[in-house]
N, C-alpha and C. Protein backbone atom coordinates (compact mmCIF):
# COMPACT_ATOMS: atom_id res chain seq x y z
N UNK A 1 90.79 -15.23 40.70
CA UNK A 1 91.37 -16.60 40.17
C UNK A 1 91.33 -16.62 38.94
N UNK A 2 92.47 -16.85 38.36
CA UNK A 2 92.44 -17.09 36.77
C UNK A 2 93.42 -18.57 36.60
N UNK A 3 92.50 -19.34 36.12
CA UNK A 3 93.24 -20.88 35.97
C UNK A 3 94.00 -20.44 34.77
N UNK A 4 95.08 -21.63 34.86
CA UNK A 4 96.14 -22.25 34.16
C UNK A 4 95.36 -22.45 32.99
N UNK A 5 95.96 -22.56 31.31
CA UNK A 5 95.18 -23.01 30.39
C UNK A 5 95.21 -24.25 30.48
N UNK A 6 96.85 -25.10 31.30
CA UNK A 6 96.74 -26.54 31.70
C UNK A 6 95.44 -27.34 32.42
N UNK A 7 95.22 -26.21 33.81
CA UNK A 7 94.27 -26.58 34.44
C UNK A 7 92.62 -26.61 33.61
N UNK A 8 92.44 -25.42 33.06
CA UNK A 8 91.10 -25.09 31.78
C UNK A 8 90.96 -26.63 31.30
N UNK A 9 92.32 -26.96 30.27
CA UNK A 9 92.34 -28.23 29.39
C UNK A 9 91.60 -29.72 30.47
N UNK A 10 92.49 -29.63 31.69
CA UNK A 10 92.49 -30.31 32.34
C UNK A 10 90.64 -30.65 32.80
N UNK A 11 90.45 -29.72 33.51
CA UNK A 11 88.74 -29.83 34.04
C UNK A 11 88.02 -30.28 32.55
N UNK A 12 88.24 -29.58 30.82
CA UNK A 12 87.20 -29.78 30.10
C UNK A 12 87.19 -31.58 30.24
N UNK A 13 88.56 -32.21 30.05
CA UNK A 13 88.90 -33.56 29.62
C UNK A 13 87.96 -34.11 30.41
N UNK A 14 88.05 -34.34 32.15
CA UNK A 14 87.69 -34.73 32.85
C UNK A 14 86.04 -34.69 32.86
N UNK A 15 85.76 -33.74 32.59
CA UNK A 15 84.55 -33.64 32.32
C UNK A 15 83.69 -34.64 31.42
N UNK A 16 84.47 -34.46 30.04
CA UNK A 16 84.07 -35.06 29.23
C UNK A 16 84.18 -36.46 29.64
N UNK A 17 85.43 -37.11 30.26
CA UNK A 17 85.58 -38.54 30.67
C UNK A 17 84.84 -39.04 31.41
N UNK A 18 84.00 -38.21 32.74
CA UNK A 18 83.40 -38.78 33.25
C UNK A 18 82.09 -39.00 32.89
N UNK A 19 81.50 -38.33 32.01
CA UNK A 19 80.20 -38.11 31.14
C UNK A 19 80.43 -39.10 30.37
N UNK A 20 81.36 -39.68 29.66
CA UNK A 20 81.66 -40.38 28.57
C UNK A 20 81.48 -42.12 29.70
N UNK A 21 82.22 -42.10 30.72
CA UNK A 21 82.31 -42.99 31.28
C UNK A 21 80.71 -43.68 32.30
N UNK A 22 80.23 -42.47 32.26
CA UNK A 22 78.57 -43.08 33.49
C UNK A 22 77.95 -43.62 32.21
N UNK A 23 78.10 -43.18 30.43
CA UNK A 23 77.18 -43.35 29.39
C UNK A 23 77.69 -45.01 29.51
N UNK A 24 79.00 -45.25 29.70
CA UNK A 24 79.62 -47.18 29.74
C UNK A 24 79.11 -47.59 30.83
N UNK A 25 77.92 -47.21 31.76
CA UNK A 25 77.76 -47.64 32.94
C UNK A 25 79.20 -47.71 34.28
N UNK A 26 80.26 -46.90 33.99
CA UNK A 26 81.56 -47.11 34.76
C UNK A 26 81.09 -45.75 35.55
N UNK A 27 82.09 -46.01 36.70
CA UNK A 27 82.40 -44.75 37.66
C UNK A 27 82.86 -43.78 37.06
N UNK A 28 82.89 -42.71 37.66
CA UNK A 28 83.81 -41.72 36.97
C UNK A 28 85.33 -41.74 37.40
N UNK A 29 86.13 -41.53 36.45
CA UNK A 29 87.63 -41.49 36.62
C UNK A 29 88.05 -40.90 38.07
N UNK A 30 88.86 -41.65 38.85
CA UNK A 30 89.34 -40.85 40.24
C UNK A 30 90.11 -39.92 40.05
N UNK A 31 90.05 -38.98 40.79
CA UNK A 31 90.56 -37.78 40.86
C UNK A 31 91.84 -37.50 41.89
N UNK A 32 93.46 -37.81 41.75
CA UNK A 32 94.39 -37.84 42.70
C UNK A 32 94.20 -36.41 42.90
N UNK A 33 93.96 -35.72 44.27
CA UNK A 33 94.14 -34.28 44.71
C UNK A 33 95.13 -34.03 44.76
N UNK A 34 96.34 -35.11 44.91
CA UNK A 34 97.83 -34.77 45.27
C UNK A 34 98.45 -34.51 43.52
N UNK A 35 97.64 -34.84 42.64
CA UNK A 35 98.19 -34.29 41.30
C UNK A 35 98.34 -33.69 40.40
N UNK A 36 96.75 -32.69 41.02
CA UNK A 36 96.24 -31.59 40.29
C UNK A 36 97.11 -29.96 41.23
N UNK A 37 96.73 -29.26 40.30
CA UNK A 37 97.56 -28.02 40.73
C UNK A 37 96.51 -27.58 42.13
N UNK A 38 97.14 -26.52 42.77
CA UNK A 38 96.28 -25.96 44.27
C UNK A 38 95.24 -25.10 43.96
N UNK A 39 94.99 -24.51 42.77
CA UNK A 39 93.98 -24.20 41.96
C UNK A 39 92.85 -25.05 42.25
N UNK A 40 93.46 -26.15 41.71
CA UNK A 40 92.25 -27.34 41.55
C UNK A 40 91.67 -27.70 42.64
N UNK A 41 92.82 -28.12 43.63
CA UNK A 41 92.32 -28.64 45.29
C UNK A 41 91.88 -27.97 45.88
N UNK A 42 91.49 -26.61 45.49
CA UNK A 42 90.67 -25.39 46.56
C UNK A 42 89.41 -25.36 46.38
N UNK A 43 88.84 -25.21 47.36
CA UNK A 43 87.12 -25.53 47.65
C UNK A 43 86.97 -24.27 46.29
N UNK A 44 85.96 -24.48 45.21
CA UNK A 44 85.55 -24.09 44.36
C UNK A 44 84.13 -24.01 44.09
N UNK A 45 83.88 -23.24 43.27
CA UNK A 45 81.99 -23.28 42.92
C UNK A 45 81.90 -23.09 41.33
N UNK A 46 81.23 -24.10 40.72
CA UNK A 46 81.25 -24.20 39.22
C UNK A 46 79.81 -24.21 38.61
N UNK A 47 79.64 -24.17 37.56
CA UNK A 47 78.47 -25.15 36.49
C UNK A 47 79.17 -25.53 35.43
N UNK A 48 78.81 -26.33 34.81
CA UNK A 48 78.82 -26.99 33.81
C UNK A 48 77.80 -26.84 33.01
N UNK A 49 77.94 -26.65 31.46
CA UNK A 49 76.84 -26.43 30.69
C UNK A 49 77.31 -27.42 29.70
N UNK A 50 75.90 -27.74 28.98
CA UNK A 50 76.23 -28.88 27.67
C UNK A 50 75.40 -28.16 26.78
N UNK A 51 75.85 -27.96 25.74
CA UNK A 51 75.14 -27.58 24.48
C UNK A 51 75.70 -28.68 22.87
N UNK A 52 74.36 -28.40 22.17
CA UNK A 52 74.17 -29.41 21.04
C UNK A 52 73.60 -27.90 20.02
N UNK A 53 75.09 -27.84 19.05
CA UNK A 53 74.48 -26.81 17.90
C UNK A 53 73.77 -26.02 18.60
N UNK A 54 74.58 -25.26 19.74
CA UNK A 54 74.53 -23.75 20.17
C UNK A 54 73.29 -24.28 21.26
N UNK A 55 72.46 -24.88 21.29
CA UNK A 55 71.19 -24.89 22.28
C UNK A 55 71.64 -25.81 23.31
N UNK A 56 70.99 -25.40 24.68
CA UNK A 56 71.18 -25.37 25.76
C UNK A 56 70.81 -27.03 26.03
N UNK A 57 71.57 -28.14 26.64
CA UNK A 57 71.46 -29.42 26.17
C UNK A 57 71.17 -29.75 27.98
N UNK A 58 72.03 -28.89 28.93
CA UNK A 58 71.71 -29.35 30.46
C UNK A 58 72.71 -28.11 31.14
N UNK A 59 72.45 -27.83 32.35
CA UNK A 59 73.48 -26.53 32.87
C UNK A 59 73.21 -26.94 34.40
N UNK A 60 74.07 -27.93 34.74
CA UNK A 60 73.67 -27.61 36.76
C UNK A 60 75.43 -27.25 37.39
N UNK A 61 74.92 -26.63 38.42
CA UNK A 61 76.37 -25.97 38.93
C UNK A 61 76.01 -25.53 40.49
N UNK A 62 77.03 -25.51 41.37
CA UNK A 62 77.13 -24.75 42.96
C UNK A 62 77.62 -23.39 42.65
N UNK A 63 76.70 -22.97 43.99
CA UNK A 63 76.86 -21.32 43.85
C UNK A 63 77.79 -21.18 45.15
N UNK A 64 77.91 -22.39 45.85
CA UNK A 64 79.01 -21.86 47.07
C UNK A 64 80.23 -23.05 47.13
N UNK A 65 81.25 -22.48 47.25
CA UNK A 65 82.26 -23.65 47.10
C UNK A 65 82.34 -24.35 48.25
N UNK A 66 81.74 -25.81 48.29
CA UNK A 66 82.15 -26.52 49.34
C UNK A 66 82.72 -27.76 49.25
N UNK A 67 83.84 -28.07 48.10
CA UNK A 67 84.33 -29.13 48.14
C UNK A 67 85.55 -28.55 46.69
N UNK A 68 86.61 -29.45 46.78
CA UNK A 68 87.68 -29.00 45.88
C UNK A 68 87.03 -28.85 44.34
N UNK A 69 87.44 -27.64 43.84
CA UNK A 69 87.12 -27.35 42.50
C UNK A 69 86.86 -28.51 41.48
N UNK A 70 88.14 -29.24 41.32
CA UNK A 70 88.09 -30.25 40.20
C UNK A 70 87.34 -31.23 40.46
N UNK A 71 86.53 -31.44 41.79
CA UNK A 71 85.63 -32.49 42.25
C UNK A 71 84.16 -32.23 41.96
N UNK A 72 84.28 -30.37 42.32
CA UNK A 72 82.71 -29.88 41.85
C UNK A 72 82.70 -30.18 40.33
N UNK A 73 83.69 -29.71 39.46
CA UNK A 73 83.39 -29.90 37.94
C UNK A 73 82.95 -30.94 37.50
N UNK A 74 83.36 -32.21 38.54
CA UNK A 74 83.02 -33.72 38.02
C UNK A 74 81.71 -33.75 38.52
N UNK A 75 81.23 -33.39 39.59
CA UNK A 75 80.32 -34.14 40.03
C UNK A 75 79.10 -33.12 39.05
N UNK A 76 79.18 -32.12 38.87
CA UNK A 76 78.33 -31.19 38.02
C UNK A 76 78.40 -31.22 36.51
N UNK A 77 79.50 -32.27 36.23
CA UNK A 77 79.65 -32.29 34.73
C UNK A 77 78.62 -33.92 34.58
N UNK A 78 78.60 -34.43 35.57
CA UNK A 78 77.34 -35.89 36.12
C UNK A 78 76.11 -35.41 35.92
N UNK A 79 75.81 -34.28 36.79
CA UNK A 79 74.28 -33.20 37.51
C UNK A 79 73.91 -33.08 35.49
N UNK A 80 74.70 -32.22 35.11
CA UNK A 80 74.29 -31.75 33.68
C UNK A 80 73.99 -32.24 32.86
N UNK A 81 74.50 -33.70 32.67
CA UNK A 81 74.36 -34.75 31.52
C UNK A 81 72.87 -35.55 32.29
N UNK A 82 72.72 -35.74 33.42
CA UNK A 82 71.80 -37.20 33.75
C UNK A 82 70.86 -36.21 34.79
N UNK A 83 71.26 -35.14 35.34
CA UNK A 83 69.67 -34.81 36.41
C UNK A 83 69.65 -33.46 36.41
N UNK A 84 69.28 -32.90 34.78
CA UNK A 84 68.90 -31.48 34.77
C UNK A 84 67.73 -31.74 34.70
N UNK A 85 66.70 -31.28 35.56
CA UNK A 85 65.43 -31.41 35.38
C UNK A 85 64.78 -31.17 34.09
N UNK A 86 65.18 -30.45 33.51
CA UNK A 86 64.25 -29.88 32.03
C UNK A 86 64.53 -30.77 30.94
N UNK A 87 65.58 -31.70 31.05
CA UNK A 87 65.86 -32.56 29.95
C UNK A 87 65.70 -34.18 29.81
N UNK A 88 65.99 -34.83 29.23
CA UNK A 88 65.83 -36.50 29.34
C UNK A 88 67.51 -36.31 29.62
N UNK A 89 67.64 -37.63 30.59
CA UNK A 89 69.47 -37.76 30.32
C UNK A 89 70.20 -37.76 28.81
N UNK A 90 71.07 -37.38 28.99
CA UNK A 90 72.32 -37.33 27.79
C UNK A 90 72.16 -39.00 27.18
N UNK A 91 72.37 -38.87 25.65
CA UNK A 91 72.21 -39.94 25.23
C UNK A 91 73.67 -40.57 24.63
N UNK A 92 73.67 -41.72 24.49
CA UNK A 92 75.23 -41.84 23.98
C UNK A 92 75.37 -41.49 22.24
N UNK A 93 74.23 -41.17 21.78
CA UNK A 93 74.20 -40.99 20.20
C UNK A 93 74.47 -39.06 20.35
N UNK A 94 74.23 -38.59 21.52
CA UNK A 94 74.33 -36.91 21.66
C UNK A 94 75.80 -36.56 22.13
N UNK A 95 76.52 -37.68 22.82
CA UNK A 95 77.46 -37.42 23.46
C UNK A 95 78.55 -36.95 22.51
N UNK A 96 78.82 -37.23 21.57
CA UNK A 96 80.01 -37.08 20.40
C UNK A 96 79.62 -35.31 19.72
N UNK A 97 78.31 -35.12 19.93
CA UNK A 97 77.95 -33.84 19.56
C UNK A 97 77.72 -32.62 20.49
N UNK A 98 77.57 -33.06 21.76
CA UNK A 98 77.80 -32.44 22.96
C UNK A 98 78.80 -31.17 22.95
N UNK A 99 79.18 -30.15 23.27
CA UNK A 99 80.12 -29.19 23.84
C UNK A 99 79.80 -28.71 25.20
N UNK A 100 80.99 -28.89 25.90
CA UNK A 100 81.02 -28.72 27.26
C UNK A 100 81.82 -27.31 27.57
N UNK A 101 81.20 -26.50 28.63
CA UNK A 101 81.73 -25.00 29.27
C UNK A 101 81.78 -25.46 30.43
N UNK A 102 82.91 -24.80 31.10
CA UNK A 102 82.96 -24.72 32.61
C UNK A 102 82.80 -23.52 32.78
N UNK A 103 82.23 -23.07 34.00
CA UNK A 103 82.08 -21.27 34.49
C UNK A 103 82.85 -21.62 35.87
N UNK A 104 83.64 -20.94 36.33
CA UNK A 104 84.30 -21.18 37.68
C UNK A 104 83.75 -19.60 38.49
N UNK A 105 83.15 -19.46 39.52
CA UNK A 105 82.37 -18.82 39.58
C UNK A 105 83.33 -17.79 41.05
N UNK A 106 83.44 -16.50 41.03
CA UNK A 106 83.81 -16.32 42.32
C UNK A 106 82.61 -15.78 43.41
N UNK A 107 83.17 -15.45 44.75
CA UNK A 107 82.27 -15.79 45.77
C UNK A 107 81.04 -14.77 45.29
N UNK A 108 80.01 -14.91 45.66
CA UNK A 108 78.73 -13.88 45.62
C UNK A 108 78.67 -13.07 46.38
N UNK A 109 78.44 -12.09 46.08
CA UNK A 109 78.30 -10.64 46.82
C UNK A 109 77.33 -10.21 47.25
N UNK A 110 76.67 -9.55 48.00
CA UNK A 110 75.12 -8.82 48.43
C UNK A 110 74.85 -8.40 47.56
N UNK A 111 74.14 -7.47 46.92
CA UNK A 111 73.99 -6.28 46.23
C UNK A 111 72.75 -5.60 46.58
N UNK A 112 73.12 -4.25 47.77
CA UNK A 112 72.20 -3.63 48.23
C UNK A 112 71.40 -2.89 47.23
N UNK A 113 70.22 -2.39 47.46
CA UNK A 113 69.17 -1.95 46.51
C UNK A 113 67.74 -1.48 47.34
N UNK A 114 67.79 -0.12 46.70
CA UNK A 114 66.39 0.62 47.45
C UNK A 114 65.14 0.16 46.94
N UNK A 115 65.11 0.01 45.25
CA UNK A 115 64.04 -0.70 44.70
C UNK A 115 64.12 -1.08 43.51
N UNK A 116 63.10 -1.60 42.44
CA UNK A 116 63.29 -2.06 41.12
C UNK A 116 64.27 -1.34 40.41
N UNK A 117 64.41 0.00 40.49
CA UNK A 117 64.76 1.10 39.47
C UNK A 117 66.47 0.67 39.88
N UNK A 118 66.55 0.62 41.00
CA UNK A 118 67.70 0.88 41.78
C UNK A 118 68.56 -0.52 41.30
N UNK A 119 68.21 -1.53 41.29
CA UNK A 119 68.56 -2.54 41.20
C UNK A 119 68.97 -2.92 39.90
N UNK A 120 67.98 -2.47 39.10
CA UNK A 120 68.45 -2.01 37.44
C UNK A 120 69.33 -1.16 36.94
N UNK A 121 69.50 -0.51 37.85
CA UNK A 121 70.75 0.32 37.16
C UNK A 121 71.96 0.03 38.13
N UNK A 122 71.95 -0.85 38.81
CA UNK A 122 73.54 -1.38 39.45
C UNK A 122 73.78 -2.72 39.00
N UNK A 123 72.88 -3.38 38.32
CA UNK A 123 73.40 -4.46 37.53
C UNK A 123 74.12 -4.21 36.11
N UNK A 124 75.19 -5.24 36.12
CA UNK A 124 75.88 -4.96 34.84
C UNK A 124 75.80 -6.24 33.83
N UNK A 125 75.04 -6.12 32.89
CA UNK A 125 74.80 -6.81 32.05
C UNK A 125 76.06 -7.22 31.45
N UNK A 126 75.84 -8.80 30.97
CA UNK A 126 77.16 -9.33 30.46
C UNK A 126 78.10 -9.84 31.49
N UNK A 127 78.26 -9.21 32.16
CA UNK A 127 79.24 -9.45 33.12
C UNK A 127 78.84 -9.74 35.10
N UNK A 128 77.79 -9.68 35.37
CA UNK A 128 77.27 -10.26 36.95
C UNK A 128 76.24 -11.25 36.27
N UNK A 129 76.77 -12.53 37.25
CA UNK A 129 75.54 -13.80 37.40
C UNK A 129 75.07 -12.68 38.65
N UNK A 130 73.95 -13.13 38.69
CA UNK A 130 72.35 -13.13 39.59
C UNK A 130 71.80 -13.80 40.45
N UNK A 131 71.63 -14.09 41.80
CA UNK A 131 71.19 -14.92 42.73
C UNK A 131 69.94 -14.02 43.33
N UNK A 132 69.11 -14.91 42.85
CA UNK A 132 67.58 -14.10 43.62
C UNK A 132 67.29 -14.52 44.83
N UNK A 133 66.84 -14.50 46.14
CA UNK A 133 66.63 -15.27 46.95
C UNK A 133 64.92 -14.54 47.89
N UNK A 134 64.16 -15.28 47.77
CA UNK A 134 62.98 -14.87 48.58
C UNK A 134 62.28 -16.01 49.60
N UNK A 135 62.60 -15.65 50.86
CA UNK A 135 61.95 -17.27 51.86
C UNK A 135 62.53 -18.16 51.12
N UNK A 136 61.85 -19.44 50.58
CA UNK A 136 62.78 -20.87 49.99
C UNK A 136 62.91 -20.59 48.93
N UNK A 137 62.62 -19.63 48.17
CA UNK A 137 62.59 -19.49 46.28
C UNK A 137 63.92 -18.83 46.25
N UNK A 138 64.76 -19.64 45.40
CA UNK A 138 66.41 -19.29 45.05
C UNK A 138 66.30 -19.45 43.62
N UNK A 139 67.28 -18.88 43.10
CA UNK A 139 67.89 -19.09 41.32
C UNK A 139 69.01 -17.92 41.06
N UNK A 140 69.37 -18.50 40.07
CA UNK A 140 70.48 -17.84 39.41
C UNK A 140 70.72 -17.85 38.10
N UNK A 141 71.00 -16.85 37.78
CA UNK A 141 71.27 -17.27 35.84
C UNK A 141 72.98 -16.42 36.08
N UNK A 142 73.94 -17.34 35.00
CA UNK A 142 75.25 -17.16 34.68
C UNK A 142 74.95 -15.50 34.24
N UNK A 143 76.51 -14.97 33.90
CA UNK A 143 76.64 -13.99 33.50
C UNK A 143 76.06 -14.09 31.70
N UNK A 144 76.40 -15.61 31.41
CA UNK A 144 76.01 -16.06 29.86
C UNK A 144 74.74 -15.79 29.15
N UNK A 145 74.18 -16.05 30.81
CA UNK A 145 72.27 -15.87 30.14
C UNK A 145 71.73 -14.17 29.86
N UNK A 146 72.83 -13.31 29.96
CA UNK A 146 72.47 -11.92 29.33
C UNK A 146 72.48 -12.18 27.77
N UNK A 147 73.61 -12.86 27.05
CA UNK A 147 73.45 -13.21 25.96
C UNK A 147 71.85 -13.15 24.88
N UNK A 148 71.23 -14.04 26.18
CA UNK A 148 70.09 -14.24 25.16
C UNK A 148 69.07 -13.50 26.08
N UNK A 149 68.96 -12.97 27.18
CA UNK A 149 68.26 -12.05 27.64
C UNK A 149 68.92 -10.51 28.03
N UNK A 150 69.14 -9.91 27.01
CA UNK A 150 69.77 -8.48 27.14
C UNK A 150 69.29 -7.36 28.19
N UNK A 151 68.44 -7.33 27.72
CA UNK A 151 67.15 -6.27 28.60
C UNK A 151 67.08 -6.63 29.94
N UNK A 152 67.80 -5.83 30.80
CA UNK A 152 67.54 -6.00 32.25
C UNK A 152 66.28 -6.45 33.25
N UNK A 153 65.24 -5.62 32.56
CA UNK A 153 64.03 -5.89 33.25
C UNK A 153 63.44 -7.40 32.85
N UNK A 154 63.79 -7.30 31.67
CA UNK A 154 63.79 -9.17 31.18
C UNK A 154 64.31 -9.93 31.55
N UNK A 155 65.69 -9.71 31.77
CA UNK A 155 66.70 -10.86 32.48
C UNK A 155 65.99 -11.13 34.12
N UNK A 156 65.51 -10.10 34.62
CA UNK A 156 65.20 -10.57 36.44
C UNK A 156 63.53 -10.87 36.15
N UNK A 157 62.73 -10.45 34.99
CA UNK A 157 61.65 -11.13 35.23
C UNK A 157 61.58 -12.42 34.66
N UNK A 158 62.50 -13.19 34.23
CA UNK A 158 62.82 -14.74 33.97
C UNK A 158 63.80 -15.28 35.05
N UNK A 159 64.23 -14.65 35.70
CA UNK A 159 65.16 -15.16 36.66
C UNK A 159 64.10 -15.23 38.19
N UNK A 160 63.21 -14.41 38.15
CA UNK A 160 62.05 -14.66 39.17
C UNK A 160 61.20 -15.82 39.04
N UNK A 161 60.82 -15.56 37.64
CA UNK A 161 59.81 -17.09 37.54
C UNK A 161 60.89 -18.07 37.26
N UNK A 162 61.85 -18.31 37.45
CA UNK A 162 63.09 -19.58 37.63
C UNK A 162 62.96 -19.80 38.77
N UNK A 163 62.73 -18.93 39.74
CA UNK A 163 62.76 -19.11 41.30
C UNK A 163 61.14 -19.24 42.11
N UNK A 164 60.08 -19.24 40.95
CA UNK A 164 58.87 -19.51 41.33
C UNK A 164 58.66 -18.31 41.88
N UNK A 165 58.83 -17.31 41.54
CA UNK A 165 58.15 -15.94 41.81
C UNK A 165 57.38 -15.45 41.09
N UNK A 166 56.37 -14.48 40.90
CA UNK A 166 56.06 -13.50 40.38
C UNK A 166 57.02 -13.39 39.38
N UNK A 167 56.88 -12.42 38.12
CA UNK A 167 57.65 -12.43 37.53
C UNK A 167 58.09 -10.55 37.46
N UNK A 168 57.17 -10.01 38.46
CA UNK A 168 57.77 -8.50 38.49
C UNK A 168 58.43 -8.99 40.57
N UNK A 169 58.34 -10.15 40.66
CA UNK A 169 59.15 -10.11 42.25
C UNK A 169 59.93 -9.32 42.73
N UNK A 170 61.05 -8.35 41.65
CA UNK A 170 62.41 -7.94 42.16
C UNK A 170 61.79 -6.63 42.28
N UNK A 171 60.81 -5.98 41.86
CA UNK A 171 60.46 -4.59 42.04
C UNK A 171 59.85 -4.69 43.46
N UNK A 172 59.54 -5.86 44.38
CA UNK A 172 59.17 -5.82 45.64
C UNK A 172 59.79 -5.48 46.85
N UNK A 173 59.70 -5.30 48.13
CA UNK A 173 61.10 -5.05 48.97
C UNK A 173 60.88 -6.50 49.53
N UNK A 174 62.10 -6.92 50.22
CA UNK A 174 62.65 -8.14 50.99
C UNK A 174 63.42 -8.94 49.56
N UNK A 175 63.50 -8.83 48.42
CA UNK A 175 64.09 -10.07 47.99
C UNK A 175 65.40 -9.29 48.33
N UNK A 176 66.45 -10.59 48.20
CA UNK A 176 67.86 -10.58 48.53
C UNK A 176 68.02 -10.91 46.99
N UNK A 177 69.45 -9.99 46.93
CA UNK A 177 70.18 -10.19 45.34
C UNK A 177 71.48 -10.10 45.69
N UNK A 178 72.09 -11.47 45.12
CA UNK A 178 73.53 -11.19 44.83
C UNK A 178 74.20 -11.57 44.13
N UNK A 179 75.28 -10.89 43.21
CA UNK A 179 76.24 -10.87 42.35
C UNK A 179 77.32 -11.65 42.25
N UNK A 180 77.67 -11.98 41.36
CA UNK A 180 79.37 -12.74 40.94
C UNK A 180 79.73 -13.06 39.71
N UNK A 181 80.95 -13.29 39.41
CA UNK A 181 81.61 -13.32 38.29
C UNK A 181 82.15 -14.39 37.39
N UNK A 182 82.04 -14.48 36.44
CA UNK A 182 83.03 -16.35 36.19
C UNK A 182 84.25 -16.27 35.29
N UNK A 183 84.87 -17.25 35.61
CA UNK A 183 86.02 -17.21 34.38
C UNK A 183 85.43 -18.62 33.86
N UNK A 184 85.12 -18.21 32.73
CA UNK A 184 84.57 -19.57 31.60
C UNK A 184 85.34 -19.59 30.83
N UNK A 185 85.32 -20.97 30.17
CA UNK A 185 85.92 -22.05 29.33
C UNK A 185 85.18 -22.79 28.52
N UNK A 186 85.70 -22.73 27.42
CA UNK A 186 84.91 -24.12 26.60
C UNK A 186 85.59 -25.25 25.73
N UNK A 187 85.11 -26.16 25.27
CA UNK A 187 86.01 -27.11 24.60
C UNK A 187 85.91 -26.34 23.24
N UNK A 188 86.88 -26.67 22.38
CA UNK A 188 86.70 -26.20 20.97
C UNK A 188 85.99 -26.83 20.10
N UNK A 189 85.74 -26.04 18.76
CA UNK A 189 84.78 -26.68 18.25
C UNK A 189 85.20 -27.67 17.34
């Protein structure tokens, strides 16, 4: 699915207004599902990423589509601003400097592989977002993370650590791997 430029602008505005209202102690702006496009009403999975001066300031999202995309983006905007465990809640002073990016995910697809080398060979750096699962451990990196970790071995090692697994766990049998792609858009500078 490719969102229209109007839908992209609407989601970015909604994310900003939702965070701004929360900073003022107000509830999120109501969303009239009958007034938005069919693409925004469909169940969708998204991540909202906040940066300040190019540095990560919060990133939370959904891997599975469980609610209308427009509501998913709104909830993930709040979570990225106030509930990312890696950061303190966003402050009013930071709000004017924060830049909002939305990533809309395609449905994850299982990636079969024989071993760690086969997995490395099948990944598409810069294209694929990757989810790994083993028992109760699960983590994902959006395709944008390839910009910071372009080496596939390093990418997978960091993803394993994020999931609470040993860095070389991608070389052990039994790891489940899924890939997805994103439609990414962000606020203008």
